[in-house]
Amino acid sequence: MADFTCHFGCGWRKPADIIPLLSDRFAQLRSAEPGNRQGNIRVRNSIAAGRRLAARIVFAQTGVSLLMALVFLAQGARPATGAFAGGMLATCGTALLAARMFVGEAISGQGAFWGFLLGTVLKWLLLAGGLVALLGVWRFPPLAAITGFVAATLVNLAGLRFKD
């Protein structure tokens, strides 16, 4: 009979000895999260990771909005305010979607889909109404307002490319 001694410090002597070690590790993973009533295994892409990503994107959009306001400050206070308002409009839309998506505990896949769909519809209603208000009601300079809006919206594309 061949000797199956492990030379990597895993503590098993025969191939069948690894099974109890794996089942113990599996049991540890199942009970690793406090309040885990169903015994679900923790996954890498958690709701907390989504919350952190949403917070980072909202903060980055706020920074880009301020940056665009500084760029348009050379043209005057009104264009700078328009650029900031356009950027913050996109930021508020992202915050609204994030608040809708990550409001509570994990839900079913169908519930997450409908929450995402409703949050996206609310976000686009806010964005459309906000752009109408910025350009039609308050009559901010269109170039400044739309540039701030587009620059802050592009942060979503850049932010979603980077992992935790």
Protein backbone atom coordinates (compact mmCIF):
# COMPACT_ATOMS: atom_id res chain seq x y z
CA MET A 1 0.00 0.00 0.00
CA ALA A 2 1.31 3.42 -0.96
CA ASP A 3 1.92 6.13 1.62
CA PHE A 4 -0.33 9.16 1.02
CA THR A 5 1.26 11.37 3.67
CA CYS A 6 0.66 15.03 3.02
CA HIS A 7 3.80 17.13 2.95
CA PHE A 8 2.00 20.49 3.13
CA GLY A 9 0.92 20.46 6.77
CA CYS A 10 -2.72 19.61 6.18
CA GLY A 11 -2.71 16.78 8.74
CA TRP A 12 -4.16 13.87 6.76
CA ARG A 13 -2.50 10.53 6.08
CA LYS A 14 -4.83 8.80 3.58
CA PRO A 15 -7.12 10.29 0.91
CA ALA A 16 -10.20 9.42 3.00
CA ASP A 17 -8.86 11.45 5.97
CA ILE A 18 -9.47 14.73 4.16
CA ILE A 19 -13.28 14.31 4.15
CA PRO A 20 -13.83 15.06 7.88
CA LEU A 21 -11.57 18.09 7.57
CA LEU A 22 -13.58 19.41 4.62
CA SER A 23 -16.92 18.81 6.34
CA ASP A 24 -15.68 20.68 9.44
CA ARG A 25 -14.58 23.60 7.29
CA PHE A 26 -17.91 23.59 5.45
CA ALA A 27 -19.77 23.72 8.79
CA GLN A 28 -17.61 26.68 9.85
CA LEU A 29 -18.48 28.53 6.65
CA ARG A 30 -22.20 27.88 7.10
CA SER A 31 -22.24 29.39 10.58
CA ALA A 32 -19.69 32.16 10.01
CA GLU A 33 -22.13 35.05 9.76
CA PRO A 34 -23.96 36.17 12.92
CA GLY A 35 -27.72 36.04 12.62
CA ASN A 36 -27.50 33.48 9.84
CA ARG A 37 -30.74 31.61 10.46
CA GLN A 38 -30.87 29.64 7.24
CA GLY A 39 -27.26 28.48 7.26
CA ASN A 40 -26.43 30.13 3.95
CA ILE A 41 -22.82 30.18 2.88
CA ARG A 42 -21.34 33.65 2.75
CA VAL A 43 -20.68 34.87 -0.75
CA ARG A 44 -18.05 37.29 -1.99
CA ASN A 45 -20.41 39.77 -3.64
CA SER A 46 -22.37 40.82 -0.58
CA ILE A 47 -24.91 43.55 -0.03
CA ALA A 48 -22.31 45.38 2.05
CA ALA A 49 -20.00 45.47 -0.99
CA GLY A 50 -22.83 46.99 -3.03
CA ARG A 51 -23.44 49.61 -0.35
CA ARG A 52 -19.75 50.50 -0.26
CA LEU A 53 -19.63 50.78 -4.05
CA ALA A 54 -22.71 53.01 -4.09
CA ALA A 55 -21.25 55.26 -1.38
CA ARG A 56 -17.96 55.55 -3.27
CA ILE A 57 -19.76 56.47 -6.48
CA VAL A 58 -21.92 59.08 -4.74
CA PHE A 59 -18.84 60.67 -3.12
CA ALA A 60 -16.96 60.61 -6.43
CA GLN A 61 -19.90 62.21 -8.22
CA THR A 62 -19.99 64.96 -5.60
CA GLY A 63 -16.27 65.58 -6.14
CA VAL A 64 -16.69 65.71 -9.92
CA SER A 65 -19.60 68.13 -9.49
CA LEU A 66 -17.40 70.44 -7.43
CA LEU A 67 -14.61 70.12 -9.97
CA MET A 68 -16.93 71.05 -12.84
CA ALA A 69 -18.17 74.04 -10.83
CA LEU A 70 -14.57 75.19 -10.41
CA VAL A 71 -13.96 74.79 -14.14
CA PHE A 72 -17.03 76.87 -15.04
CA LEU A 73 -16.25 79.48 -12.36
CA ALA A 74 -14.02 81.17 -14.95
CA GLN A 75 -17.21 82.04 -16.89
CA GLY A 76 -19.01 83.37 -13.85
CA ALA A 77 -21.10 82.36 -10.87
CA ARG A 78 -24.21 81.35 -12.81
CA PRO A 79 -22.46 78.81 -15.09
CA ALA A 80 -20.56 77.43 -12.09
CA THR A 81 -23.82 77.00 -10.20
CA GLY A 82 -25.39 75.36 -13.25
CA ALA A 83 -22.50 72.89 -13.58
CA PHE A 84 -22.70 72.06 -9.88
CA ALA A 85 -26.48 71.68 -10.01
CA GLY A 86 -26.26 69.39 -13.06
CA GLY A 87 -23.66 67.21 -11.37
CA MET A 88 -25.58 67.06 -8.13
CA LEU A 89 -28.70 66.08 -10.04
CA ALA A 90 -26.91 62.96 -11.27
CA THR A 91 -25.57 62.40 -7.74
CA CYS A 92 -29.08 62.59 -6.24
CA GLY A 93 -30.32 60.10 -8.85
CA THR A 94 -27.57 57.64 -7.93
CA ALA A 95 -28.25 58.11 -4.22
CA LEU A 96 -31.98 57.51 -4.79
CA LEU A 97 -31.28 54.29 -6.69
CA ALA A 98 -28.82 53.12 -4.03
CA ALA A 99 -31.26 53.91 -1.23
CA ARG A 100 -33.93 51.89 -3.03
CA MET A 101 -31.62 48.94 -3.71
CA PHE A 102 -29.83 48.64 -0.37
CA VAL A 103 -32.54 49.63 2.08
CA GLY A 104 -32.72 46.39 4.06
CA GLU A 105 -31.60 42.79 4.27
CA ALA A 106 -31.10 40.47 1.34
CA ILE A 107 -34.27 39.56 -0.49
CA SER A 108 -35.13 37.09 -3.20
CA GLY A 109 -33.85 37.46 -6.73
CA GLN A 110 -37.28 38.52 -7.95
CA GLY A 111 -37.56 41.14 -5.21
CA ALA A 112 -34.10 42.46 -6.01
CA PHE A 113 -35.00 42.72 -9.69
CA TRP A 114 -38.21 44.65 -9.02
CA GLY A 115 -36.42 46.88 -6.52
CA PHE A 116 -33.75 47.64 -9.11
CA LEU A 117 -36.36 48.29 -11.78
CA LEU A 118 -38.40 50.62 -9.55
CA GLY A 119 -35.26 52.41 -8.37
CA THR A 120 -34.10 52.93 -11.95
CA VAL A 121 -37.50 54.31 -13.01
CA LEU A 122 -37.48 56.70 -10.03
CA LYS A 123 -33.93 57.77 -10.85
CA TRP A 124 -34.75 58.56 -14.47
CA LEU A 125 -37.92 60.42 -13.49
CA LEU A 126 -35.83 62.52 -11.10
CA LEU A 127 -33.19 63.15 -13.77
CA ALA A 128 -35.71 64.12 -16.46
CA GLY A 129 -37.63 66.41 -14.12
CA GLY A 130 -34.42 67.90 -12.76
CA LEU A 131 -33.04 68.68 -16.20
CA VAL A 132 -36.32 70.31 -17.17
CA ALA A 133 -36.17 72.40 -13.98
CA LEU A 134 -32.49 73.34 -14.46
CA LEU A 135 -32.82 74.32 -18.10
CA GLY A 136 -36.45 75.45 -18.32
CA VAL A 137 -37.42 76.88 -14.95
CA TRP A 138 -34.14 78.25 -13.54
CA ARG A 139 -32.60 78.83 -16.99
CA PHE A 140 -29.05 77.84 -16.12
CA PRO A 141 -26.62 77.94 -19.05
CA PRO A 142 -27.22 74.68 -20.97
CA LEU A 143 -23.55 73.94 -21.64
CA ALA A 144 -22.63 74.19 -17.97
CA ALA A 145 -25.62 72.26 -16.64
CA ILE A 146 -25.39 69.43 -19.17
CA THR A 147 -21.58 69.20 -18.84
CA GLY A 148 -21.87 68.85 -15.06
CA PHE A 149 -24.61 66.27 -15.48
CA VAL A 150 -22.68 64.20 -18.05
CA ALA A 151 -19.41 64.39 -16.12
CA ALA A 152 -21.07 63.13 -12.94
CA THR A 153 -22.92 60.42 -14.84
CA LEU A 154 -19.66 59.19 -16.39
CA VAL A 155 -18.39 58.52 -12.86
CA ASN A 156 -20.80 55.54 -12.82
CA LEU A 157 -19.02 53.97 -15.76
CA ALA A 158 -15.60 54.55 -14.25
CA GLY A 159 -16.64 53.46 -10.75
CA LEU A 160 -18.25 50.20 -11.85
CA ARG A 161 -15.07 49.07 -13.61
CA PHE A 162 -13.14 48.78 -10.34
CA LYS A 163 -13.74 45.96 -7.86
CA ASP A 164 -13.64 46.09 -4.09
